[in-house]
PDB file of N, CA and C in Angstrom:
ATOM      1  N   MET A   1     107.527 196.031 210.595  1.00  0.00           N
ATOM      2  CA  MET A   1     107.976 194.563 210.731  1.00  0.00           C
ATOM      3  C   MET A   1     109.203 194.411 209.907  1.00  0.00           C
ATOM      4  N   LEU A   2     109.802 193.187 210.071  1.00  0.00           N
ATOM      5  CA  LEU A   2     110.879 192.682 209.232  1.00  0.00           C
ATOM      6  C   LEU A   2     110.438 192.183 207.662  1.00  0.00           C
ATOM      7  N   SER A   3     111.536 192.561 206.757  1.00  0.00           N
ATOM      8  CA  SER A   3     111.310 192.519 205.444  1.00  0.00           C
ATOM      9  C   SER A   3     111.615 190.994 204.849  1.00  0.00           C
ATOM     10  N   ILE A   4     112.096 190.203 206.047  1.00  0.00           N
ATOM     11  CA  ILE A   4     112.593 188.709 205.620  1.00  0.00           C
ATOM     12  C   ILE A   4     111.956 187.715 206.404  1.00  0.00           C
ATOM     13  N   PRO A   5     111.693 186.592 206.011  1.00  0.00           N
ATOM     14  CA  PRO A   5     111.324 185.539 206.939  1.00  0.00           C
ATOM     15  C   PRO A   5     112.447 185.378 208.251  1.00  0.00           C
ATOM     16  N   VAL A   6     111.618 185.284 209.363  1.00  0.00           N
ATOM     17  CA  VAL A   6     112.383 185.062 210.660  1.00  0.00           C
ATOM     18  C   VAL A   6     112.103 183.554 211.214  1.00  0.00           C
ATOM     19  N   THR A   7     113.165 182.832 211.581  1.00  0.00           N
ATOM     20  CA  THR A   7     113.056 181.812 212.473  1.00  0.00           C
ATOM     21  C   THR A   7     112.418 181.794 213.927  1.00  0.00           C
ATOM     22  N   HIS A   8     111.994 180.865 214.426  1.00  0.00           N
ATOM     23  CA  HIS A   8     111.493 180.941 215.845  1.00  0.00           C
ATOM     24  C   HIS A   8     112.565 181.251 216.620  1.00  0.00           C
ATOM     25  N   HIS A   9     113.913 180.810 216.298  1.00  0.00           N
ATOM     26  CA  HIS A   9     114.944 181.037 217.367  1.00  0.00           C
ATOM     27  C   HIS A   9     115.345 182.590 217.404  1.00  0.00           C
ATOM     28  N   ALA A  10     115.176 183.164 216.095  1.00  0.00           N
ATOM     29  CA  ALA A  10     115.436 184.502 216.078  1.00  0.00           C
ATOM     30  C   ALA A  10     114.325 185.308 216.673  1.00  0.00           C
ATOM     31  N   VAL A  11     113.345 185.151 216.720  1.00  0.00           N
ATOM     32  CA  VAL A  11     112.187 185.731 217.285  1.00  0.00           C
ATOM     33  C   VAL A  11     112.626 185.691 218.663  1.00  0.00           C
ATOM     34  N   ALA A  12     112.596 184.471 219.361  1.00  0.00           N
ATOM     35  CA  ALA A  12     113.095 184.284 220.782  1.00  0.00           C
ATOM     36  C   ALA A  12     114.553 185.192 221.041  1.00  0.00           C
ATOM     37  N   ARG A  13     115.543 185.515 220.262  1.00  0.00           N
ATOM     38  CA  ARG A  13     116.637 185.799 220.650  1.00  0.00           C
ATOM     39  C   ARG A  13     116.300 187.431 220.675  1.00  0.00           C
ATOM     40  N   MET A  14     115.507 187.924 219.667  1.00  0.00           N
ATOM     41  CA  MET A  14     114.947 189.419 219.573  1.00  0.00           C
ATOM     42  C   MET A  14     114.259 189.760 220.812  1.00  0.00           C
ATOM     43  N   GLN A  15     113.486 188.781 221.388  1.00  0.00           N
ATOM     44  CA  GLN A  15     113.001 189.222 222.625  1.00  0.00           C
ATOM     45  C   GLN A  15     113.878 189.107 223.825  1.00  0.00           C
ATOM     46  N   GLN A  16     114.605 188.077 224.063  1.00  0.00           N
ATOM     47  CA  GLN A  16     115.569 187.941 224.794  1.00  0.00           C
ATOM     48  C   GLN A  16     116.504 189.126 225.131  1.00  0.00           C
ATOM     49  N   ARG A  17     117.058 189.255 223.916  1.00  0.00           N
ATOM     50  CA  ARG A  17     118.306 190.358 223.880  1.00  0.00           C
ATOM     51  C   ARG A  17     117.850 191.879 223.435  1.00  0.00           C
ATOM     52  N   ALA A  18     116.325 192.051 223.522  1.00  0.00           N
ATOM     53  CA  ALA A  18     115.642 193.307 223.301  1.00  0.00           C
ATOM     54  C   ALA A  18     116.339 194.098 222.093  1.00  0.00           C
ATOM     55  N   VAL A  19     116.288 193.471 221.024  1.00  0.00           N
ATOM     56  CA  VAL A  19     116.768 193.892 219.723  1.00  0.00           C
ATOM     57  C   VAL A  19     115.178 194.157 219.027  1.00  0.00           C
ATOM     58  N   ARG A  20     115.123 195.401 218.762  1.00  0.00           N
ATOM     59  CA  ARG A  20     113.735 195.744 218.112  1.00  0.00           C
ATOM     60  C   ARG A  20     113.855 195.260 216.688  1.00  0.00           C
ATOM     61  N   PRO A  21     112.815 195.164 215.832  1.00  0.00           N
ATOM     62  CA  PRO A  21     112.629 194.812 214.437  1.00  0.00           C
ATOM     63  C   PRO A  21     113.329 195.827 213.754  1.00  0.00           C
ATOM     64  N   GLU A  22     113.282 197.345 214.170  1.00  0.00           N
ATOM     65  CA  GLU A  22     113.504 198.374 213.334  1.00  0.00           C
ATOM     66  C   GLU A  22     115.093 198.248 213.234  1.00  0.00           C
ATOM     67  N   ILE A  23     115.752 197.860 214.214  1.00  0.00           N
ATOM     68  CA  ILE A  23     117.275 197.733 214.557  1.00  0.00           C
ATOM     69  C   ILE A  23     117.833 196.853 213.396  1.00  0.00           C
ATOM     70  N   VAL A  24     117.053 195.428 213.285  1.00  0.00           N
ATOM     71  CA  VAL A  24     117.513 194.457 212.550  1.00  0.00           C
ATOM     72  C   VAL A  24     117.273 195.000 211.095  1.00  0.00           C
ATOM     73  N   ASP A  25     116.218 195.888 210.786  1.00  0.00           N
ATOM     74  CA  ASP A  25     116.086 196.449 209.459  1.00  0.00           C
ATOM     75  C   ASP A  25     117.040 197.146 208.829  1.00  0.00           C
ATOM     76  N   PHE A  26     117.424 198.081 209.992  1.00  0.00           N
ATOM     77  CA  PHE A  26     118.580 198.988 209.755  1.00  0.00           C
ATOM     78  C   PHE A  26     119.922 198.245 209.504  1.00  0.00           C
ATOM     79  N   LEU A  27     120.229 197.052 210.124  1.00  0.00           N
ATOM     80  CA  LEU A  27     121.378 196.273 209.912  1.00  0.00           C
ATOM     81  C   LEU A  27     121.222 195.735 208.417  1.00  0.00           C
ATOM     82  N   LEU A  28     120.164 195.297 208.066  1.00  0.00           N
ATOM     83  CA  LEU A  28     120.029 194.697 206.825  1.00  0.00           C
ATOM     84  C   LEU A  28     120.326 195.599 205.666  1.00  0.00           C
ATOM     85  N   ASP A  29     119.732 196.888 205.959  1.00  0.00           N
ATOM     86  CA  ASP A  29     119.656 197.866 204.922  1.00  0.00           C
ATOM     87  C   ASP A  29     120.947 198.454 204.831  1.00  0.00           C
ATOM     88  N   TYR A  30     121.485 198.925 205.998  1.00  0.00           N
ATOM     89  CA  TYR A  30     122.869 199.822 205.999  1.00  0.00           C
ATOM     90  C   TYR A  30     124.190 199.085 206.529  1.00  0.00           C
ATOM     91  N   GLY A  31     124.022 197.776 206.852  1.00  0.00           N
ATOM     92  CA  GLY A  31     125.090 197.220 207.567  1.00  0.00           C
ATOM     93  C   GLY A  31     125.980 196.524 206.387  1.00  0.00           C
ATOM     94  N   ARG A  32     127.265 196.144 207.010  1.00  0.00           N
ATOM     95  CA  ARG A  32     128.200 195.568 206.377  1.00  0.00           C
ATOM     96  C   ARG A  32     128.011 194.114 206.446  1.00  0.00           C
ATOM     97  N   CYS A  33     128.217 193.375 205.259  1.00  0.00           N
ATOM     98  CA  CYS A  33     127.780 192.026 205.125  1.00  0.00           C
ATOM     99  C   CYS A  33     129.148 191.029 205.096  1.00  0.00           C
ATOM    100  N   GLU A  34     129.277 190.203 205.781  1.00  0.00           N
ATOM    101  CA  GLU A  34     130.371 189.377 205.736  1.00  0.00           C
ATOM    102  C   GLU A  34     129.790 187.810 205.900  1.00  0.00           C
ATOM    103  N   HIS A  35     130.695 187.063 205.275  1.00  0.00           N
ATOM    104  CA  HIS A  35     130.335 185.498 205.146  1.00  0.00           C
ATOM    105  C   HIS A  35     130.568 185.036 206.616  1.00  0.00           C
ATOM    106  N   HIS A  36     129.587 184.141 206.930  1.00  0.00           N
ATOM    107  CA  HIS A  36     129.842 183.561 208.251  1.00  0.00           C
ATOM    108  C   HIS A  36     129.904 181.858 207.827  1.00  0.00           C
ATOM    109  N   GLN A  37     129.541 181.242 209.059  1.00  0.00           N
ATOM    110  CA  GLN A  37     129.662 179.889 209.069  1.00  0.00           C
ATOM    111  C   GLN A  37     128.525 179.267 208.075  1.00  0.00           C
ATOM    112  N   ARG A  38     128.864 178.230 207.426  1.00  0.00           N
ATOM    113  CA  ARG A  38     127.963 177.380 206.596  1.00  0.00           C
ATOM    114  C   ARG A  38     127.261 178.239 205.647  1.00  0.00           C
ATOM    115  N   GLY A  39     127.739 179.104 204.972  1.00  0.00           N
ATOM    116  CA  GLY A  39     127.054 179.940 203.865  1.00  0.00           C
ATOM    117  C   GLY A  39     126.374 181.120 204.551  1.00  0.00           C
ATOM    118  N   ALA A  40     126.062 181.318 205.762  1.00  0.00           N
ATOM    119  CA  ALA A  40     125.163 182.239 206.311  1.00  0.00           C
ATOM    120  C   ALA A  40     126.016 183.648 206.205  1.00  0.00           C
ATOM    121  N   LEU A  41     125.246 184.829 206.260  1.00  0.00           N
ATOM    122  CA  LEU A  41     125.623 186.149 206.174  1.00  0.00           C
ATOM    123  C   LEU A  41     125.573 186.816 207.568  1.00  0.00           C
ATOM    124  N   LEU A  42     126.715 187.590 208.037  1.00  0.00           N
ATOM    125  CA  LEU A  42     126.671 188.383 209.124  1.00  0.00           C
ATOM    126  C   LEU A  42     126.493 189.786 208.810  1.00  0.00           C
ATOM    127  N   TYR A  43     125.537 190.605 209.226  1.00  0.00           N
ATOM    128  CA  TYR A  43     125.158 191.832 209.192  1.00  0.00           C
ATOM    129  C   TYR A  43     125.745 192.670 210.485  1.00  0.00           C
ATOM    130  N   TYR A  44     126.169 193.699 210.293  1.00  0.00           N
ATOM    131  CA  TYR A  44     126.493 194.602 211.369  1.00  0.00           C
ATOM    132  C   TYR A  44     126.901 195.915 210.961  1.00  0.00           C
ATOM    133  N   LEU A  45     126.722 197.001 211.602  1.00  0.00           N
ATOM    134  CA  LEU A  45     126.795 198.422 211.448  1.00  0.00           C
ATOM    135  C   LEU A  45     128.304 198.761 211.495  1.00  0.00           C
ATOM    136  N   ASP A  46     129.057 199.198 210.474  1.00  0.00           N
ATOM    137  CA  ASP A  46     130.350 199.601 210.647  1.00  0.00           C
ATOM    138  C   ASP A  46     130.302 201.140 210.459  1.00  0.00           C
ATOM    139  N   LYS A  47     131.522 201.931 210.521  1.00  0.00           N
ATOM    140  CA  LYS A  47     131.627 203.297 210.344  1.00  0.00           C
ATOM    141  C   LYS A  47     130.787 203.996 209.177  1.00  0.00           C
ATOM    142  N   ARG A  48     130.925 203.482 208.141  1.00  0.00           N
ATOM    143  CA  ARG A  48     130.269 203.606 206.954  1.00  0.00           C
ATOM    144  C   ARG A  48     128.771 203.663 206.782  1.00  0.00           C
ATOM    145  N   GLY A  49     128.540 202.465 207.501  1.00  0.00           N
ATOM    146  CA  GLY A  49     126.888 202.148 207.370  1.00  0.00           C
ATOM    147  C   GLY A  49     126.248 203.165 208.578  1.00  0.00           C
ATOM    148  N   ARG A  50     127.081 203.514 209.573  1.00  0.00           N
ATOM    149  CA  ARG A  50     126.377 204.302 210.423  1.00  0.00           C
ATOM    150  C   ARG A  50     126.323 205.778 210.006  1.00  0.00           C
ATOM    151  N   GLN A  51     127.022 206.176 209.138  1.00  0.00           N
ATOM    152  CA  GLN A  51     126.945 207.446 208.479  1.00  0.00           C
ATOM    153  C   GLN A  51     126.167 207.434 207.408  1.00  0.00           C
ATOM    154  N   ARG A  52     125.815 206.401 206.693  1.00  0.00           N
ATOM    155  CA  ARG A  52     124.621 206.456 205.713  1.00  0.00           C
ATOM    156  C   ARG A  52     123.424 206.367 206.565  1.00  0.00           C
ATOM    157  N   LEU A  53     123.342 205.657 207.459  1.00  0.00           N
ATOM    158  CA  LEU A  53     122.152 205.483 208.286  1.00  0.00           C
ATOM    159  C   LEU A  53     121.652 207.072 209.103  1.00  0.00           C
ATOM    160  N   GLN A  54     122.653 207.712 209.308  1.00  0.00           N
ATOM    161  CA  GLN A  54     122.509 208.911 209.913  1.00  0.00           C
ATOM    162  C   GLN A  54     121.885 210.162 209.016  1.00  0.00           C
ATOM    163  N   LYS A  55     122.370 209.960 207.591  1.00  0.00           N
ATOM    164  CA  LYS A  55     122.077 210.870 206.780  1.00  0.00           C
ATOM    165  C   LYS A  55     120.549 210.601 206.377  1.00  0.00           C
ATOM    166  N   VAL A  56     120.196 209.298 206.300  1.00  0.00           N
ATOM    167  CA  VAL A  56     118.729 208.944 205.855  1.00  0.00           C
ATOM    168  C   VAL A  56     117.859 208.940 206.878  1.00  0.00           C
ATOM    169  N   ALA A  57     118.414 208.796 208.160  1.00  0.00           N
ATOM    170  CA  ALA A  57     117.298 208.710 209.423  1.00  0.00           C
ATOM    171  C   ALA A  57     117.040 210.075 209.994  1.00  0.00           C
ATOM    172  N   GLY A  58     118.064 211.005 209.739  1.00  0.00           N
ATOM    173  CA  GLY A  58     118.463 212.124 210.428  1.00  0.00           C
ATOM    174  C   GLY A  58     119.023 212.231 211.962  1.00  0.00           C
ATOM    175  N   ARG A  59     119.627 213.156 212.178  1.00  0.00           N
ATOM    176  CA  ARG A  59     120.474 213.329 213.458  1.00  0.00           C
ATOM    177  C   ARG A  59     119.636 212.764 214.667  1.00  0.00           C
ATOM    178  N   ASP A  60     118.575 213.452 214.755  1.00  0.00           N
ATOM    179  CA  ASP A  60     117.708 213.155 215.941  1.00  0.00           C
ATOM    180  C   ASP A  60     117.362 211.699 216.156  1.00  0.00           C
ATOM    181  N   THR A  61     116.896 211.137 215.162  1.00  0.00           N
ATOM    182  CA  THR A  61     116.536 209.857 215.177  1.00  0.00           C
ATOM    183  C   THR A  61     117.845 208.865 215.369  1.00  0.00           C
ATOM    184  N   TYR A  62     118.826 209.033 214.858  1.00  0.00           N
ATOM    185  CA  TYR A  62     120.112 208.451 214.907  1.00  0.00           C
ATOM    186  C   TYR A  62     120.670 208.470 216.469  1.00  0.00           C
ATOM    187  N   ARG A  63     120.659 209.616 216.867  1.00  0.00           N
ATOM    188  CA  ARG A  63     121.114 209.630 218.248  1.00  0.00           C
ATOM    189  C   ARG A  63     120.122 208.985 219.277  1.00  0.00           C
ATOM    190  N   ARG A  64     118.707 208.835 218.864  1.00  0.00           N
ATOM    191  CA  ARG A  64     117.931 208.262 219.816  1.00  0.00           C
ATOM    192  C   ARG A  64     118.332 206.604 219.831  1.00  0.00           C
ATOM    193  N   LEU A  65     118.569 206.140 218.576  1.00  0.00           N
ATOM    194  CA  LEU A  65     118.736 204.572 218.134  1.00  0.00           C
ATOM    195  C   LEU A  65     120.427 204.165 218.372  1.00  0.00           C
ATOM    196  N   GLU A  66     121.076 205.353 218.607  1.00  0.00           N
ATOM    197  CA  GLU A  66     122.746 205.005 218.509  1.00  0.00           C
ATOM    198  C   GLU A  66     123.152 203.916 219.597  1.00  0.00           C
ATOM    199  N   HIS A  67     122.356 203.984 220.890  1.00  0.00           N
ATOM    200  CA  HIS A  67     122.879 202.971 221.611  1.00  0.00           C
ATOM    201  C   HIS A  67     122.472 201.405 221.318  1.00  0.00           C
ATOM    202  N   ALA A  68     121.586 201.167 220.488  1.00  0.00           N
ATOM    203  CA  ALA A  68     121.124 199.992 220.141  1.00  0.00           C
ATOM    204  C   ALA A  68     121.792 199.447 218.771  1.00  0.00           C
ATOM    205  N   LEU A  69     122.567 200.309 218.228  1.00  0.00           N
ATOM    206  CA  LEU A  69     122.949 199.906 216.887  1.00  0.00           C
ATOM    207  C   LEU A  69     124.466 198.927 216.991  1.00  0.00           C
ATOM    208  N   ASP A  70     124.755 198.647 218.193  1.00  0.00           N
ATOM    209  CA  ASP A  70     125.865 197.590 218.341  1.00  0.00           C
ATOM    210  C   ASP A  70     125.206 196.321 218.377  1.00  0.00           C
ATOM    211  N   ALA A  71     124.793 195.991 217.150  1.00  0.00           N
ATOM    212  CA  ALA A  71     124.220 194.696 217.164  1.00  0.00           C
ATOM    213  C   ALA A  71     124.574 194.072 215.858  1.00  0.00           C
ATOM    214  N   TYR A  72     124.129 192.637 215.662  1.00  0.00           N
ATOM    215  CA  TYR A  72     124.554 191.994 214.440  1.00  0.00           C
ATOM    216  C   TYR A  72     123.288 190.960 214.334  1.00  0.00           C
ATOM    217  N   ALA A  73     123.412 190.453 213.176  1.00  0.00           N
ATOM    218  CA  ALA A  73     122.149 189.755 212.589  1.00  0.00           C
ATOM    219  C   ALA A  73     122.651 188.752 211.734  1.00  0.00           C
ATOM    220  N   VAL A  74     122.273 187.391 211.804  1.00  0.00           N
ATOM    221  CA  VAL A  74     123.004 186.382 210.933  1.00  0.00           C
ATOM    222  C   VAL A  74     121.570 186.009 210.074  1.00  0.00           C
ATOM    223  N   VAL A  75     121.945 185.731 208.913  1.00  0.00           N
ATOM    224  CA  VAL A  75     120.911 185.593 207.846  1.00  0.00           C
ATOM    225  C   VAL A  75     121.443 184.024 207.075  1.00  0.00           C
ATOM    226  N   SER A  76     120.673 183.059 207.100  1.00  0.00           N
ATOM    227  CA  SER A  76     121.114 181.938 206.339  1.00  0.00           C
ATOM    228  C   SER A  76     121.049 182.012 204.915  1.00  0.00           C
ATOM    229  N   SER A  77     121.582 180.845 204.309  1.00  0.00           N
ATOM    230  CA  SER A  77     121.858 180.813 202.947  1.00  0.00           C
ATOM    231  C   SER A  77     120.453 180.896 202.291  1.00  0.00           C
ATOM    232  N   ASP A  78     119.427 180.707 202.924  1.00  0.00           N
ATOM    233  CA  ASP A  78     117.913 180.357 202.372  1.00  0.00           C
ATOM    234  C   ASP A  78     117.338 181.971 202.639  1.00  0.00           C
ATOM    235  N   GLY A  79     117.868 182.776 203.219  1.00  0.00           N
ATOM    236  CA  GLY A  79     117.453 184.212 203.128  1.00  0.00           C
ATOM    237  C   GLY A  79     116.570 184.374 204.472  1.00  0.00           C
ATOM    238  N   GLU A  80     116.728 183.463 205.545  1.00  0.00           N
ATOM    239  CA  GLU A  80     115.882 183.646 206.844  1.00  0.00           C
ATOM    240  C   GLU A  80     116.757 184.094 207.814  1.00  0.00           C
ATOM    241  N   LEU A  81     116.098 185.129 208.703  1.00  0.00           N
ATOM    242  CA  LEU A  81     116.804 185.563 209.992  1.00  0.00           C
ATOM    243  C   LEU A  81     117.113 184.543 210.789  1.00  0.00           C
ATOM    244  N   VAL A  82     118.492 184.155 211.174  1.00  0.00           N
ATOM    245  CA  VAL A  82     118.515 183.005 212.223  1.00  0.00           C
ATOM    246  C   VAL A  82     118.660 183.420 213.643  1.00  0.00           C
ATOM    247  N   THR A  83     119.522 184.570 213.821  1.00  0.00           N
ATOM    248  CA  THR A  83     119.689 184.881 215.290  1.00  0.00           C
ATOM    249  C   THR A  83     120.171 186.353 215.193  1.00  0.00           C
ATOM    250  N   VAL A  84     120.061 187.081 216.231  1.00  0.00           N
ATOM    251  CA  VAL A  84     120.635 188.473 216.457  1.00  0.00           C
ATOM    252  C   VAL A  84     121.212 188.556 217.944  1.00  0.00           C
ATOM    253  N   GLY A  85     121.880 189.500 218.029  1.00  0.00           N
ATOM    254  CA  GLY A  85     122.571 189.703 219.408  1.00  0.00           C
ATOM    255  C   GLY A  85     123.464 191.088 219.419  1.00  0.00           C
ATOM    256  N   HIS A  86     123.949 191.316 220.412  1.00  0.00           N
ATOM    257  CA  HIS A  86     124.747 192.532 220.779  1.00  0.00           C
ATOM    258  C   HIS A  86     126.102 192.320 220.294  1.00  0.00           C
ATOM    259  N   ARG A  87     126.673 193.217 219.933  1.00  0.00           N
ATOM    260  CA  ARG A  87     128.461 193.011 219.713  1.00  0.00           C
ATOM    261  C   ARG A  87     129.061 193.677 220.790  1.00  0.00           C
ATOM    262  N   TYR A  88     130.000 192.778 221.448  1.00  0.00           N
ATOM    263  CA  TYR A  88     130.691 193.241 222.553  1.00  0.00           C
ATOM    264  C   TYR A  88     132.307 193.306 222.062  1.00  0.00           C
ATOM    265  N   LYS A  89     132.655 192.701 221.155  1.00  0.00           N
ATOM    266  CA  LYS A  89     133.862 192.916 220.602  1.00  0.00           C
ATOM    267  C   LYS A  89     133.719 193.198 219.104  1.00  0.00           C
ATOM    268  N   ARG A  90     134.995 193.746 218.531  1.00  0.00           N
ATOM    269  CA  ARG A  90     135.132 194.123 217.242  1.00  0.00           C
ATOM    270  C   ARG A  90     135.141 192.910 216.442  1.00  0.00           C
ATOM    271  N   ILE A  91     134.659 192.947 215.318  1.00  0.00           N
ATOM    272  CA  ILE A  91     134.550 191.944 214.296  1.00  0.00           C
ATOM    273  C   ILE A  91     135.710 192.104 213.505  1.00  0.00           C
ATOM    274  N   ASN A  92     136.553 190.882 213.219  1.00  0.00           N
ATOM    275  CA  ASN A  92     137.687 190.730 212.721  1.00  0.00           C
ATOM    276  C   ASN A  92     137.602 190.602 211.202  1.00  0.00           C
ATOM    277  N   TYR A  93     138.187 191.294 210.244  1.00  0.00           N
ATOM    278  CA  TYR A  93     138.100 191.055 208.680  1.00  0.00           C
ATOM    279  C   TYR A  93     138.960 190.019 208.575  1.00  0.00           C
ATOM    280  N   HIS A  94     138.284 189.026 207.524  1.00  0.00           N
ATOM    281  CA  HIS A  94     139.201 187.866 207.275  1.00  0.00           C
ATOM    282  C   HIS A  94     139.940 188.118 205.797  1.00  0.00           C
TER     283      HIS A  94
END
């Protein structure tokens, strides 16, 4: 299960978008963190995060989960998971 508090909206989006809790945990543990709107933080896996995850989880586990890793998670300034989704575009660095 998730290591941070989750809003009802995030639970609904996880179900609707088929993003499993373990994927969200990987995003939070190994993902890159960018500032988002109104003080929120955006987490996603970049190349470096994917490499670290592959080392920790192992090659077989990584291959099994690789298709689901193009996701993002938004965490509020209060530390709650607000929403999750799938990345279809590259995230631009500011």
